[in-house]
C-alpha atoms as a PDB file:
ATOM      1  CA  MET A   1       5.693   0.512 -13.089  1.00  0.00           C
ATOM      2  CA  VAL A   2       6.032   3.685 -11.034  1.00  0.00           C
ATOM      3  CA  PRO A   3       5.116   3.286  -7.370  1.00  0.00           C
ATOM      4  CA  HIS A   4       3.793   6.290  -5.481  1.00  0.00           C
ATOM      5  CA  VAL A   5       5.511   5.875  -2.097  1.00  0.00           C
ATOM      6  CA  ALA A   6       4.215   7.390   1.132  1.00  0.00           C
ATOM      7  CA  PRO A   7       6.512   9.952   2.727  1.00  0.00           C
ATOM      8  CA  GLY A   8       8.807   8.021   5.061  1.00  0.00           C
ATOM      9  CA  GLY A   9       8.878   4.985   2.789  1.00  0.00           C
ATOM     10  CA  GLU A  10      11.704   6.297   0.630  1.00  0.00           C
ATOM     11  CA  PRO A  11      14.466   4.154   2.237  1.00  0.00           C
ATOM     12  CA  THR A  12      12.493   0.974   1.491  1.00  0.00           C
ATOM     13  CA  ALA A  13      11.901   1.967  -2.139  1.00  0.00           C
ATOM     14  CA  GLU A  14      15.530   2.967  -2.567  1.00  0.00           C
ATOM     15  CA  ALA A  15      16.765  -0.284  -1.007  1.00  0.00           C
ATOM     16  CA  ALA A  16      14.619  -2.197  -3.514  1.00  0.00           C
ATOM     17  CA  GLY A  17      16.186  -0.190  -6.340  1.00  0.00           C
ATOM     18  CA  ALA A  18      12.822   1.230  -7.383  1.00  0.00           C
ATOM     19  CA  ALA A  19      12.248   4.515  -9.164  1.00  0.00           C
ATOM     20  CA  TYR A  20       9.376   6.211  -7.342  1.00  0.00           C
ATOM     21  CA  GLN A  21       7.408   9.396  -6.731  1.00  0.00           C
ATOM     22  CA  LEU A  22       6.240  10.564  -3.312  1.00  0.00           C
ATOM     23  CA  ALA A  23       2.558   9.777  -2.803  1.00  0.00           C
ATOM     24  CA  SER A  24       0.047  12.453  -1.902  1.00  0.00           C
ATOM     25  CA  GLU A  25      -3.309  11.978  -0.186  1.00  0.00           C
ATOM     26  CA  THR A  26      -4.909  12.459  -3.626  1.00  0.00           C
ATOM     27  CA  ASP A  27      -2.869   9.547  -4.992  1.00  0.00           C
ATOM     28  CA  TYR A  28      -4.451   7.164  -2.477  1.00  0.00           C
ATOM     29  CA  ALA A  29      -7.899   7.888  -3.926  1.00  0.00           C
ATOM     30  CA  THR A  30      -6.691   7.423  -7.531  1.00  0.00           C
ATOM     31  CA  GLU A  31      -7.246   4.308  -9.643  1.00  0.00           C
ATOM     32  CA  TRP A  32      -4.419   4.600 -12.133  1.00  0.00           C
ATOM     33  CA  HIS A  33      -5.649   2.294 -14.953  1.00  0.00           C
ATOM     34  CA  ARG A  34      -1.996   1.816 -15.905  1.00  0.00           C
ATOM     35  CA  LEU A  35       1.105   0.271 -14.357  1.00  0.00           C
ATOM     36  CA  GLU A  36       1.256   2.558 -11.334  1.00  0.00           C
ATOM     37  CA  MET A  37       0.470   1.830  -7.711  1.00  0.00           C
ATOM     38  CA  ASN A  38       0.410   3.466  -4.307  1.00  0.00           C
ATOM     39  CA  VAL A  39       2.653   2.020  -1.574  1.00  0.00           C
ATOM     40  CA  ARG A  40       2.382   2.811   2.100  1.00  0.00           C
ATOM     41  CA  THR A  41       4.206   1.315   5.091  1.00  0.00           C
ATOM     42  CA  VAL A  42       2.037   1.057   8.194  1.00  0.00           C
ATOM     43  CA  ALA A  43       2.639   0.017  11.797  1.00  0.00           C
ATOM     44  CA  ASP A  44       0.219  -2.907  11.975  1.00  0.00           C
ATOM     45  CA  LEU A  45      -2.688  -4.751  10.382  1.00  0.00           C
ATOM     46  CA  ASP A  46      -5.290  -2.455  11.940  1.00  0.00           C
ATOM     47  CA  GLU A  47      -3.688   0.588  10.314  1.00  0.00           C
ATOM     48  CA  ALA A  48      -3.488  -1.240   6.970  1.00  0.00           C
ATOM     49  CA  LEU A  49      -7.169  -2.229   7.089  1.00  0.00           C
ATOM     50  CA  GLU A  50      -8.220   1.299   8.040  1.00  0.00           C
ATOM     51  CA  HIS A  51      -6.193   2.740   5.155  1.00  0.00           C
ATOM     52  CA  ILE A  52      -7.897   0.317   2.755  1.00  0.00           C
ATOM     53  CA  ARG A  53     -11.335   1.089   4.247  1.00  0.00           C
ATOM     54  CA  VAL A  54     -10.834   4.819   3.664  1.00  0.00           C
ATOM     55  CA  ASN A  55      -8.885   4.759   0.374  1.00  0.00           C
ATOM     56  CA  GLY A  56      -9.375   1.352  -1.224  1.00  0.00           C
ATOM     57  CA  SER A  57     -11.077   0.384  -4.450  1.00  0.00           C
ATOM     58  CA  MET A  58     -12.349  -2.802  -2.760  1.00  0.00           C
ATOM     59  CA  HIS A  59     -11.051  -4.954  -5.609  1.00  0.00           C
ATOM     60  CA  THR A  60      -7.258  -4.690  -5.959  1.00  0.00           C
ATOM     61  CA  GLU A  61      -5.803  -4.109  -2.498  1.00  0.00           C
ATOM     62  CA  VAL A  62      -2.683  -5.908  -1.309  1.00  0.00           C
ATOM     63  CA  ILE A  63      -1.203  -6.216   2.170  1.00  0.00           C
ATOM     64  CA  VAL A  64       2.388  -7.483   2.301  1.00  0.00           C
ATOM     65  CA  GLN A  65       3.439  -8.793   5.684  1.00  0.00           C
ATOM     66  CA  GLY A  66       7.137  -8.675   6.511  1.00  0.00           C
ATOM     67  CA  GLN A  67       7.264 -11.492   9.046  1.00  0.00           C
ATOM     68  CA  GLY A  68       6.003 -14.180   6.685  1.00  0.00           C
ATOM     69  CA  GLY A  69       2.926 -16.277   7.172  1.00  0.00           C
ATOM     70  CA  SER A  70      -0.550 -14.900   6.852  1.00  0.00           C
ATOM     71  CA  SER A  71      -3.156 -13.363   9.063  1.00  0.00           C
ATOM     72  CA  PRO A  72      -6.461 -15.214   9.542  1.00  0.00           C
ATOM     73  CA  ARG A  73      -8.086 -11.795   9.891  1.00  0.00           C
ATOM     74  CA  LEU A  74      -7.488 -11.148   6.194  1.00  0.00           C
ATOM     75  CA  THR A  75      -9.853 -13.951   5.227  1.00  0.00           C
ATOM     76  CA  GLN A  76     -12.706 -12.609   7.363  1.00  0.00           C
ATOM     77  CA  PRO A  77     -15.624 -10.811   5.676  1.00  0.00           C
ATOM     78  CA  TRP A  78     -15.605  -7.042   6.206  1.00  0.00           C
END
């Protein structure tokens, strides 16, 4: 799998030992249909949801939360 990492996310990808490419705005609108994905680090849940609203496929989005637990907002209908 080759992640397309948002500019600024390189240290996280490197710390995980991942090979990666820098993501472009075009990448975020691309459904790869192969083992590739786009990765972006955001400041908060609102920014994550807005990114998905603008760029998402509405069927395979993932939000990973660093503090553990889950957000009840993620189970709310859009």
